Amino acid sequence: VRVMLFALRQVLPRDVGVVVDGVYAERTRAAVVLFQETYGLPVGGEIGEQLHTVMSVLRHGDDPQRKAVCLELDRRRERDRRRTEEAEQELELASAGRDA
């Protein structure tokens, strides 16, 4: 489990908060699903083989492969950042409406 968590920490954004504690709990399950969705892999598939494949591409794949993976991760991070920003703005507007 520790090796899997370490690998997940390498391939997922830092803000996911993967902790290499050796415990396969709800947070770990969520990280596994996020990993599988991020890389377009079957959710519930063999995580060890999937991690090995993705890490291999990131380390040894040709430049177009690495660039494609990195671009997709950047695109998803930007989308998530925008969604968070929009949600925060909506909360501020709702709060301001209650205060008025």
PDB file of N, CA and C in Angstrom:
ATOM      1  N   VAL A   1       0.837  -1.195   0.000  1.00  0.00           N
ATOM      2  CA  VAL A   1       0.000   0.000   0.000  1.00  0.00           C
ATOM      3  C   VAL A   1       0.876   1.250   0.000  1.00  0.00           C
ATOM      4  N   ARG A   2       1.962   1.238   0.738  1.00  0.00           N
ATOM      5  CA  ARG A   2       2.847   2.410   0.775  1.00  0.00           C
ATOM      6  C   ARG A   2       3.424   2.731  -0.604  1.00  0.00           C
ATOM      7  N   VAL A   3       3.825   1.709  -1.332  1.00  0.00           N
ATOM      8  CA  VAL A   3       4.394   1.929  -2.668  1.00  0.00           C
ATOM      9  C   VAL A   3       3.327   2.540  -3.576  1.00  0.00           C
ATOM     10  N   MET A   4       2.113   2.017  -3.499  1.00  0.00           N
ATOM     11  CA  MET A   4       1.024   2.554  -4.312  1.00  0.00           C
ATOM     12  C   MET A   4       0.761   4.012  -3.943  1.00  0.00           C
ATOM     13  N   LEU A   5       0.728   4.322  -2.661  1.00  0.00           N
ATOM     14  CA  LEU A   5       0.489   5.702  -2.223  1.00  0.00           C
ATOM     15  C   LEU A   5       1.609   6.619  -2.689  1.00  0.00           C
ATOM     16  N   PHE A   6       2.834   6.144  -2.608  1.00  0.00           N
ATOM     17  CA  PHE A   6       3.962   6.942  -3.081  1.00  0.00           C
ATOM     18  C   PHE A   6       3.820   7.231  -4.574  1.00  0.00           C
ATOM     19  N   ALA A   7       3.448   6.202  -5.343  1.00  0.00           N
ATOM     20  CA  ALA A   7       3.276   6.386  -6.793  1.00  0.00           C
ATOM     21  C   ALA A   7       2.124   7.345  -7.079  1.00  0.00           C
ATOM     22  N   LEU A   8       1.021   7.215  -6.350  1.00  0.00           N
ATOM     23  CA  LEU A   8      -0.101   8.140  -6.536  1.00  0.00           C
ATOM     24  C   LEU A   8       0.334   9.573  -6.244  1.00  0.00           C
ATOM     25  N   ARG A   9       1.131   9.730  -5.224  1.00  0.00           N
ATOM     26  CA  ARG A   9       1.617  11.077  -4.881  1.00  0.00           C
ATOM     27  C   ARG A   9       2.464  11.659  -6.006  1.00  0.00           C
ATOM     28  N   GLN A  10       3.135  10.798  -6.757  1.00  0.00           N
ATOM     29  CA  GLN A  10       3.974  11.272  -7.853  1.00  0.00           C
ATOM     30  C   GLN A  10       3.163  11.698  -9.074  1.00  0.00           C
ATOM     31  N   VAL A  11       2.002  11.071  -9.293  1.00  0.00           N
ATOM     32  CA  VAL A  11       1.265  11.321 -10.532  1.00  0.00           C
ATOM     33  C   VAL A  11       0.023  12.185 -10.348  1.00  0.00           C
ATOM     34  N   LEU A  12      -0.338  12.502  -9.116  1.00  0.00           N
ATOM     35  CA  LEU A  12      -1.502  13.357  -8.870  1.00  0.00           C
ATOM     36  C   LEU A  12      -1.055  14.731  -8.387  1.00  0.00           C
ATOM     37  N   PRO A  13      -1.871  15.740  -8.585  1.00  0.00           N
ATOM     38  CA  PRO A  13      -1.526  17.075  -8.097  1.00  0.00           C
ATOM     39  C   PRO A  13      -1.333  17.074  -6.575  1.00  0.00           C
ATOM     40  N   ARG A  14      -0.473  17.932  -6.096  1.00  0.00           N
ATOM     41  CA  ARG A  14      -0.170  17.995  -4.659  1.00  0.00           C
ATOM     42  C   ARG A  14      -1.401  18.306  -3.817  1.00  0.00           C
ATOM     43  N   ASP A  15      -2.314  19.122  -4.362  1.00  0.00           N
ATOM     44  CA  ASP A  15      -3.463  19.519  -3.559  1.00  0.00           C
ATOM     45  C   ASP A  15      -4.439  18.375  -3.297  1.00  0.00           C
ATOM     46  N   VAL A  16      -4.219  17.223  -3.927  1.00  0.00           N
ATOM     47  CA  VAL A  16      -5.045  16.045  -3.630  1.00  0.00           C
ATOM     48  C   VAL A  16      -4.740  15.562  -2.220  1.00  0.00           C
ATOM     49  N   GLY A  17      -3.517  15.765  -1.780  1.00  0.00           N
ATOM     50  CA  GLY A  17      -3.151  15.438  -0.402  1.00  0.00           C
ATOM     51  C   GLY A  17      -2.954  13.961  -0.125  1.00  0.00           C
ATOM     52  N   VAL A  18      -2.347  13.240  -1.061  1.00  0.00           N
ATOM     53  CA  VAL A  18      -2.064  11.824  -0.830  1.00  0.00           C
ATOM     54  C   VAL A  18      -1.011  11.731   0.272  1.00  0.00           C
ATOM     55  N   VAL A  19      -1.332  10.960   1.303  1.00  0.00           N
ATOM     56  CA  VAL A  19      -0.421  10.764   2.427  1.00  0.00           C
ATOM     57  C   VAL A  19       0.095   9.330   2.380  1.00  0.00           C
ATOM     58  N   VAL A  20       1.408   9.177   2.401  1.00  0.00           N
ATOM     59  CA  VAL A  20       2.017   7.842   2.343  1.00  0.00           C
ATOM     60  C   VAL A  20       2.066   7.291   3.764  1.00  0.00           C
ATOM     61  N   ASP A  21       0.909   6.797   4.224  1.00  0.00           N
ATOM     62  CA  ASP A  21       0.819   6.283   5.585  1.00  0.00           C
ATOM     63  C   ASP A  21       0.595   4.777   5.641  1.00  0.00           C
ATOM     64  N   GLY A  22       0.475   4.138   4.473  1.00  0.00           N
ATOM     65  CA  GLY A  22       0.302   2.697   4.450  1.00  0.00           C
ATOM     66  C   GLY A  22      -1.111   2.228   4.741  1.00  0.00           C
ATOM     67  N   VAL A  23      -2.056   3.164   4.827  1.00  0.00           N
ATOM     68  CA  VAL A  23      -3.436   2.817   5.151  1.00  0.00           C
ATOM     69  C   VAL A  23      -4.302   2.982   3.905  1.00  0.00           C
ATOM     70  N   TYR A  24      -5.019   1.914   3.546  1.00  0.00           N
ATOM     71  CA  TYR A  24      -5.916   1.976   2.400  1.00  0.00           C
ATOM     72  C   TYR A  24      -7.306   2.296   2.929  1.00  0.00           C
ATOM     73  N   ALA A  25      -7.577   3.587   3.073  1.00  0.00           N
ATOM     74  CA  ALA A  25      -8.856   4.039   3.619  1.00  0.00           C
ATOM     75  C   ALA A  25      -9.615   4.829   2.549  1.00  0.00           C
ATOM     76  N   GLU A  26     -10.658   5.537   2.966  1.00  0.00           N
ATOM     77  CA  GLU A  26     -11.516   6.270   2.027  1.00  0.00           C
ATOM     78  C   GLU A  26     -10.723   7.295   1.214  1.00  0.00           C
ATOM     79  N   ARG A  27      -9.806   7.992   1.854  1.00  0.00           N
ATOM     80  CA  ARG A  27      -8.998   8.995   1.137  1.00  0.00           C
ATOM     81  C   ARG A  27      -8.164   8.333   0.040  1.00  0.00           C
ATOM     82  N   THR A  28      -7.640   7.144   0.325  1.00  0.00           N
ATOM     83  CA  THR A  28      -6.857   6.414  -0.666  1.00  0.00           C
ATOM     84  C   THR A  28      -7.748   5.964  -1.815  1.00  0.00           C
ATOM     85  N   ARG A  29      -8.929   5.445  -1.496  1.00  0.00           N
ATOM     86  CA  ARG A  29      -9.863   5.026  -2.546  1.00  0.00           C
ATOM     87  C   ARG A  29     -10.214   6.205  -3.454  1.00  0.00           C
ATOM     88  N   ALA A  30     -10.433   7.366  -2.866  1.00  0.00           N
ATOM     89  CA  ALA A  30     -10.760   8.563  -3.652  1.00  0.00           C
ATOM     90  C   ALA A  30      -9.588   8.939  -4.560  1.00  0.00           C
ATOM     91  N   ALA A  31      -8.363   8.830  -4.061  1.00  0.00           N
ATOM     92  CA  ALA A  31      -7.178   9.144  -4.862  1.00  0.00           C
ATOM     93  C   ALA A  31      -7.028   8.163  -6.013  1.00  0.00           C
ATOM     94  N   VAL A  32      -7.328   6.891  -5.772  1.00  0.00           N
ATOM     95  CA  VAL A  32      -7.243   5.873  -6.818  1.00  0.00           C
ATOM     96  C   VAL A  32      -8.254   6.186  -7.924  1.00  0.00           C
ATOM     97  N   VAL A  33      -9.485   6.507  -7.547  1.00  0.00           N
ATOM     98  CA  VAL A  33     -10.513   6.832  -8.545  1.00  0.00           C
ATOM     99  C   VAL A  33     -10.112   8.086  -9.320  1.00  0.00           C
ATOM    100  N   LEU A  34      -9.616   9.101  -8.625  1.00  0.00           N
ATOM    101  CA  LEU A  34      -9.170  10.323  -9.300  1.00  0.00           C
ATOM    102  C   LEU A  34      -8.062  10.006 -10.295  1.00  0.00           C
ATOM    103  N   PHE A  35      -7.099   9.205  -9.882  1.00  0.00           N
ATOM    104  CA  PHE A  35      -6.011   8.795 -10.769  1.00  0.00           C
ATOM    105  C   PHE A  35      -6.569   8.114 -12.017  1.00  0.00           C
ATOM    106  N   GLN A  36      -7.476   7.157 -11.813  1.00  0.00           N
ATOM    107  CA  GLN A  36      -8.016   6.414 -12.941  1.00  0.00           C
ATOM    108  C   GLN A  36      -8.816   7.319 -13.870  1.00  0.00           C
ATOM    109  N   GLU A  37      -9.598   8.222 -13.315  1.00  0.00           N
ATOM    110  CA  GLU A  37     -10.375   9.146 -14.143  1.00  0.00           C
ATOM    111  C   GLU A  37      -9.466  10.124 -14.876  1.00  0.00           C
ATOM    112  N   THR A  38      -8.448  10.621 -14.185  1.00  0.00           N
ATOM    113  CA  THR A  38      -7.526  11.597 -14.769  1.00  0.00           C
ATOM    114  C   THR A  38      -6.821  11.036 -15.993  1.00  0.00           C
ATOM    115  N   TYR A  39      -6.428   9.781 -15.904  1.00  0.00           N
ATOM    116  CA  TYR A  39      -5.669   9.175 -17.000  1.00  0.00           C
ATOM    117  C   TYR A  39      -6.544   8.358 -17.940  1.00  0.00           C
ATOM    118  N   GLY A  40      -7.874   8.464 -17.785  1.00  0.00           N
ATOM    119  CA  GLY A  40      -8.782   7.772 -18.682  1.00  0.00           C
ATOM    120  C   GLY A  40      -8.712   6.262 -18.578  1.00  0.00           C
ATOM    121  N   LEU A  41      -8.449   5.775 -17.387  1.00  0.00           N
ATOM    122  CA  LEU A  41      -8.337   4.335 -17.159  1.00  0.00           C
ATOM    123  C   LEU A  41      -9.635   3.792 -16.568  1.00  0.00           C
ATOM    124  N   PRO A  42      -9.870   2.490 -16.695  1.00  0.00           N
ATOM    125  CA  PRO A  42     -11.088   1.927 -16.118  1.00  0.00           C
ATOM    126  C   PRO A  42     -11.070   2.045 -14.591  1.00  0.00           C
ATOM    127  N   VAL A  43     -12.117   2.659 -14.060  1.00  0.00           N
ATOM    128  CA  VAL A  43     -12.230   2.773 -12.607  1.00  0.00           C
ATOM    129  C   VAL A  43     -12.477   1.374 -12.072  1.00  0.00           C
ATOM    130  N   GLY A  44     -11.723   0.997 -11.059  1.00  0.00           N
ATOM    131  CA  GLY A  44     -11.835  -0.339 -10.497  1.00  0.00           C
ATOM    132  C   GLY A  44     -10.880  -1.323 -11.150  1.00  0.00           C
ATOM    133  N   GLY A  45     -10.109  -0.848 -12.115  1.00  0.00           N
ATOM    134  CA  GLY A  45      -9.134  -1.718 -12.770  1.00  0.00           C
ATOM    135  C   GLY A  45      -7.953  -1.995 -11.854  1.00  0.00           C
ATOM    136  N   GLU A  46      -7.000  -2.766 -12.336  1.00  0.00           N
ATOM    137  CA  GLU A  46      -5.825  -3.147 -11.564  1.00  0.00           C
ATOM    138  C   GLU A  46      -4.918  -1.934 -11.372  1.00  0.00           C
ATOM    139  N   ILE A  47      -4.962  -1.355 -10.190  1.00  0.00           N
ATOM    140  CA  ILE A  47      -4.258  -0.096  -9.904  1.00  0.00           C
ATOM    141  C   ILE A  47      -2.741  -0.238 -10.035  1.00  0.00           C
ATOM    142  N   GLY A  48      -2.179  -1.350  -9.625  1.00  0.00           N
ATOM    143  CA  GLY A  48      -0.731  -1.514  -9.699  1.00  0.00           C
ATOM    144  C   GLY A  48      -0.218  -1.432 -11.122  1.00  0.00           C
ATOM    145  N   GLU A  49      -0.865  -2.144 -12.019  1.00  0.00           N
ATOM    146  CA  GLU A  49      -0.463  -2.132 -13.431  1.00  0.00           C
ATOM    147  C   GLU A  49      -0.698  -0.758 -14.049  1.00  0.00           C
ATOM    148  N   GLN A  50      -1.804  -0.136 -13.700  1.00  0.00           N
ATOM    149  CA  GLN A  50      -2.104   1.193 -14.234  1.00  0.00           C
ATOM    150  C   GLN A  50      -1.052   2.205 -13.799  1.00  0.00           C
ATOM    151  N   LEU A  51      -0.709   2.192 -12.514  1.00  0.00           N
ATOM    152  CA  LEU A  51       0.305   3.124 -12.021  1.00  0.00           C
ATOM    153  C   LEU A  51       1.636   2.884 -12.718  1.00  0.00           C
ATOM    154  N   HIS A  52       1.997   1.625 -12.869  1.00  0.00           N
ATOM    155  CA  HIS A  52       3.254   1.294 -13.530  1.00  0.00           C
ATOM    156  C   HIS A  52       3.273   1.857 -14.953  1.00  0.00           C
ATOM    157  N   THR A  53       2.185   1.685 -15.676  1.00  0.00           N
ATOM    158  CA  THR A  53       2.103   2.153 -17.057  1.00  0.00           C
ATOM    159  C   THR A  53       2.211   3.673 -17.137  1.00  0.00           C
ATOM    160  N   VAL A  54       1.441   4.372 -16.320  1.00  0.00           N
ATOM    161  CA  VAL A  54       1.459   5.836 -16.359  1.00  0.00           C
ATOM    162  C   VAL A  54       2.816   6.377 -15.935  1.00  0.00           C
ATOM    163  N   MET A  55       3.388   5.821 -14.871  1.00  0.00           N
ATOM    164  CA  MET A  55       4.701   6.311 -14.430  1.00  0.00           C
ATOM    165  C   MET A  55       5.771   6.012 -15.481  1.00  0.00           C
ATOM    166  N   SER A  56       5.652   4.891 -16.161  1.00  0.00           N
ATOM    167  CA  SER A  56       6.603   4.556 -17.207  1.00  0.00           C
ATOM    168  C   SER A  56       6.534   5.563 -18.345  1.00  0.00           C
ATOM    169  N   VAL A  57       5.319   5.927 -18.752  1.00  0.00           N
ATOM    170  CA  VAL A  57       5.157   6.925 -19.815  1.00  0.00           C
ATOM    171  C   VAL A  57       5.735   8.263 -19.369  1.00  0.00           C
ATOM    172  N   LEU A  58       5.443   8.649 -18.123  1.00  0.00           N
ATOM    173  CA  LEU A  58       5.947   9.935 -17.641  1.00  0.00           C
ATOM    174  C   LEU A  58       7.468   9.956 -17.552  1.00  0.00           C
ATOM    175  N   ARG A  59       8.068   8.827 -17.202  1.00  0.00           N
ATOM    176  CA  ARG A  59       9.522   8.787 -17.049  1.00  0.00           C
ATOM    177  C   ARG A  59      10.250   8.503 -18.355  1.00  0.00           C
ATOM    178  N   HIS A  60       9.695   7.575 -19.158  1.00  0.00           N
ATOM    179  CA  HIS A  60      10.459   7.080 -20.302  1.00  0.00           C
ATOM    180  C   HIS A  60       9.775   7.267 -21.644  1.00  0.00           C
ATOM    181  N   GLY A  61       8.549   7.737 -21.621  1.00  0.00           N
ATOM    182  CA  GLY A  61       7.830   7.902 -22.879  1.00  0.00           C
ATOM    183  C   GLY A  61       8.465   8.990 -23.732  1.00  0.00           C
ATOM    184  N   ASP A  62       8.123   8.980 -24.988  1.00  0.00           N
ATOM    185  CA  ASP A  62       8.666  10.023 -25.841  1.00  0.00           C
ATOM    186  C   ASP A  62       8.013  11.358 -25.485  1.00  0.00           C
ATOM    187  N   ASP A  63       8.595  12.424 -25.963  1.00  0.00           N
ATOM    188  CA  ASP A  63       8.122  13.758 -25.606  1.00  0.00           C
ATOM    189  C   ASP A  63       6.645  13.983 -25.897  1.00  0.00           C
ATOM    190  N   PRO A  64       6.120  13.555 -27.060  1.00  0.00           N
ATOM    191  CA  PRO A  64       4.689  13.781 -27.295  1.00  0.00           C
ATOM    192  C   PRO A  64       3.799  13.107 -26.250  1.00  0.00           C
ATOM    193  N   GLN A  65       4.179  11.895 -25.796  1.00  0.00           N
ATOM    194  CA  GLN A  65       3.388  11.214 -24.774  1.00  0.00           C
ATOM    195  C   GLN A  65       3.420  12.003 -23.469  1.00  0.00           C
ATOM    196  N   ARG A  66       4.610  12.380 -23.032  1.00  0.00           N
ATOM    197  CA  ARG A  66       4.746  13.130 -21.771  1.00  0.00           C
ATOM    198  C   ARG A  66       4.002  14.447 -21.861  1.00  0.00           C
ATOM    199  N   LYS A  67       4.165  15.132 -22.994  1.00  0.00           N
ATOM    200  CA  LYS A  67       3.499  16.420 -23.158  1.00  0.00           C
ATOM    201  C   LYS A  67       1.989  16.264 -23.115  1.00  0.00           C
ATOM    202  N   ALA A  68       1.480  15.206 -23.743  1.00  0.00           N
ATOM    203  CA  ALA A  68       0.029  14.985 -23.752  1.00  0.00           C
ATOM    204  C   ALA A  68      -0.489  14.752 -22.343  1.00  0.00           C
ATOM    205  N   VAL A  69       0.209  13.948 -21.568  1.00  0.00           N
ATOM    206  CA  VAL A  69      -0.219  13.690 -20.185  1.00  0.00           C
ATOM    207  C   VAL A  69      -0.136  14.964 -19.365  1.00  0.00           C
ATOM    208  N   CYS A  70       0.958  15.680 -19.483  1.00  0.00           N
ATOM    209  CA  CYS A  70       1.126  16.914 -18.712  1.00  0.00           C
ATOM    210  C   CYS A  70       0.098  17.974 -19.109  1.00  0.00           C
ATOM    211  N   LEU A  71      -0.170  18.095 -20.404  1.00  0.00           N
ATOM    212  CA  LEU A  71      -1.168  19.056 -20.861  1.00  0.00           C
ATOM    213  C   LEU A  71      -2.553  18.712 -20.318  1.00  0.00           C
ATOM    214  N   GLU A  72      -2.884  17.437 -20.315  1.00  0.00           N
ATOM    215  CA  GLU A  72      -4.188  17.019 -19.784  1.00  0.00           C
ATOM    216  C   GLU A  72      -4.277  17.314 -18.290  1.00  0.00           C
ATOM    217  N   LEU A  73      -3.221  17.035 -17.558  1.00  0.00           N
ATOM    218  CA  LEU A  73      -3.231  17.346 -16.127  1.00  0.00           C
ATOM    219  C   LEU A  73      -3.355  18.845 -15.894  1.00  0.00           C
ATOM    220  N   ASP A  74      -2.634  19.632 -16.669  1.00  0.00           N
ATOM    221  CA  ASP A  74      -2.723  21.090 -16.542  1.00  0.00           C
ATOM    222  C   ASP A  74      -4.128  21.578 -16.862  1.00  0.00           C
ATOM    223  N   ARG A  75      -4.726  21.010 -17.906  1.00  0.00           N
ATOM    224  CA  ARG A  75      -6.081  21.389 -18.288  1.00  0.00           C
ATOM    225  C   ARG A  75      -7.063  21.084 -17.155  1.00  0.00           C
ATOM    226  N   ARG A  76      -6.922  19.910 -16.556  1.00  0.00           N
ATOM    227  CA  ARG A  76      -7.825  19.534 -15.467  1.00  0.00           C
ATOM    228  C   ARG A  76      -7.596  20.396 -14.222  1.00  0.00           C
ATOM    229  N   ARG A  77      -6.339  20.701 -13.927  1.00  0.00           N
ATOM    230  CA  ARG A  77      -6.058  21.572 -12.775  1.00  0.00           C
ATOM    231  C   ARG A  77      -6.669  22.953 -12.978  1.00  0.00           C
ATOM    232  N   GLU A  78      -6.529  23.492 -14.181  1.00  0.00           N
ATOM    233  CA  GLU A  78      -7.095  24.809 -14.492  1.00  0.00           C
ATOM    234  C   GLU A  78      -8.611  24.780 -14.373  1.00  0.00           C
ATOM    235  N   ARG A  79      -9.222  23.730 -14.894  1.00  0.00           N
ATOM    236  CA  ARG A  79     -10.681  23.588 -14.779  1.00  0.00           C
ATOM    237  C   ARG A  79     -11.105  23.550 -13.310  1.00  0.00           C
ATOM    238  N   ASP A  80     -10.381  22.768 -12.508  1.00  0.00           N
ATOM    239  CA  ASP A  80     -10.708  22.670 -11.084  1.00  0.00           C
ATOM    240  C   ASP A  80     -10.484  24.000 -10.373  1.00  0.00           C
ATOM    241  N   ARG A  81      -9.422  24.725 -10.758  1.00  0.00           N
ATOM    242  CA  ARG A  81      -9.158  26.029 -10.150  1.00  0.00           C
ATOM    243  C   ARG A  81     -10.290  27.008 -10.459  1.00  0.00           C
ATOM    244  N   ARG A  82     -10.750  27.015 -11.731  1.00  0.00           N
ATOM    245  CA  ARG A  82     -11.859  27.895 -12.120  1.00  0.00           C
ATOM    246  C   ARG A  82     -13.139  27.548 -11.367  1.00  0.00           C
ATOM    247  N   ARG A  83     -13.409  26.252 -11.253  1.00  0.00           N
ATOM    248  CA  ARG A  83     -14.612  25.831 -10.523  1.00  0.00           C
ATOM    249  C   ARG A  83     -14.562  26.272  -9.068  1.00  0.00           C
ATOM    250  N   THR A  84     -13.417  26.132  -8.452  1.00  0.00           N
ATOM    251  CA  THR A  84     -13.263  26.553  -7.062  1.00  0.00           C
ATOM    252  C   THR A  84     -13.453  28.056  -6.943  1.00  0.00           C
ATOM    253  N   GLU A  85     -12.855  28.791  -7.849  1.00  0.00           N
ATOM    254  CA  GLU A  85     -12.977  30.248  -7.857  1.00  0.00           C
ATOM    255  C   GLU A  85     -14.440  30.671  -8.028  1.00  0.00           C
ATOM    256  N   GLU A  86     -15.150  30.032  -8.944  1.00  0.00           N
ATOM    257  CA  GLU A  86     -16.560  30.350  -9.177  1.00  0.00           C
ATOM    258  C   GLU A  86     -17.401  30.031  -7.944  1.00  0.00           C
ATOM    259  N   ALA A  87     -17.121  28.908  -7.305  1.00  0.00           N
ATOM    260  CA  ALA A  87     -17.869  28.527  -6.103  1.00  0.00           C
ATOM    261  C   ALA A  87     -17.620  29.527  -4.975  1.00  0.00           C
ATOM    262  N   GLU A  88     -16.374  29.973  -4.843  1.00  0.00           N
ATOM    263  CA  GLU A  88     -16.059  30.968  -3.813  1.00  0.00           C
ATOM    264  C   GLU A  88     -16.772  32.280  -4.080  1.00  0.00           C
ATOM    265  N   GLN A  89     -16.838  32.682  -5.348  1.00  0.00           N
ATOM    266  CA  GLN A  89     -17.546  33.912  -5.700  1.00  0.00           C
ATOM    267  C   GLN A  89     -19.035  33.796  -5.396  1.00  0.00           C
ATOM    268  N   GLU A  90     -19.610  32.636  -5.707  1.00  0.00           N
ATOM    269  CA  GLU A  90     -21.026  32.423  -5.409  1.00  0.00           C
ATOM    270  C   GLU A  90     -21.293  32.491  -3.909  1.00  0.00           C
ATOM    271  N   LEU A  91     -20.384  31.921  -3.122  1.00  0.00           N
ATOM    272  CA  LEU A  91     -20.532  31.987  -1.665  1.00  0.00           C
ATOM    273  C   LEU A  91     -20.445  33.425  -1.165  1.00  0.00           C
ATOM    274  N   GLU A  92     -19.526  34.194  -1.727  1.00  0.00           N
ATOM    275  CA  GLU A  92     -19.387  35.592  -1.339  1.00  0.00           C
ATOM    276  C   GLU A  92     -20.655  36.378  -1.674  1.00  0.00           C
ATOM    277  N   LEU A  93     -21.199  36.149  -2.865  1.00  0.00           N
ATOM    278  CA  LEU A  93     -22.428  36.834  -3.266  1.00  0.00           C
ATOM    279  C   LEU A  93     -23.601  36.439  -2.360  1.00  0.00           C
ATOM    280  N   ALA A  94     -23.701  35.167  -2.056  1.00  0.00           N
ATOM    281  CA  ALA A  94     -24.777  34.698  -1.181  1.00  0.00           C
ATOM    282  C   ALA A  94     -24.631  35.302   0.217  1.00  0.00           C
ATOM    283  N   SER A  95     -23.419  35.372   0.682  1.00  0.00           N
ATOM    284  CA  SER A  95     -23.147  35.949   2.007  1.00  0.00           C
ATOM    285  C   SER A  95     -23.457  37.438   2.024  1.00  0.00           C
ATOM    286  N   ALA A  96     -23.073  38.132   0.951  1.00  0.00           N
ATOM    287  CA  ALA A  96     -23.352  39.558   0.852  1.00  0.00           C
ATOM    288  C   ALA A  96     -24.855  39.818   0.796  1.00  0.00           C
ATOM    289  N   GLY A  97     -25.608  38.942   0.136  1.00  0.00           N
ATOM    290  CA  GLY A  97     -27.060  39.072   0.044  1.00  0.00           C
ATOM    291  C   GLY A  97     -27.735  38.904   1.384  1.00  0.00           C
ATOM    292  N   ARG A  98     -27.196  38.026   2.214  1.00  0.00           N
ATOM    293  CA  ARG A  98     -27.765  37.817   3.542  1.00  0.00           C
ATOM    294  C   ARG A  98     -27.455  38.996   4.456  1.00  0.00           C
ATOM    295  N   ASP A  99     -26.293  39.594   4.260  1.00  0.00           N
ATOM    296  CA  ASP A  99     -25.876  40.713   5.111  1.00  0.00           C
ATOM    297  C   ASP A  99     -26.601  42.004   4.767  1.00  0.00           C
ATOM    298  N   ALA A 100     -27.169  42.088   3.565  1.00  0.00           N
ATOM    299  CA  ALA A 100     -27.815  43.331   3.120  1.00  0.00           C
ATOM    300  C   ALA A 100     -29.191  43.503   3.702  1.00  0.00           C
TER     301      ALA A 100
END
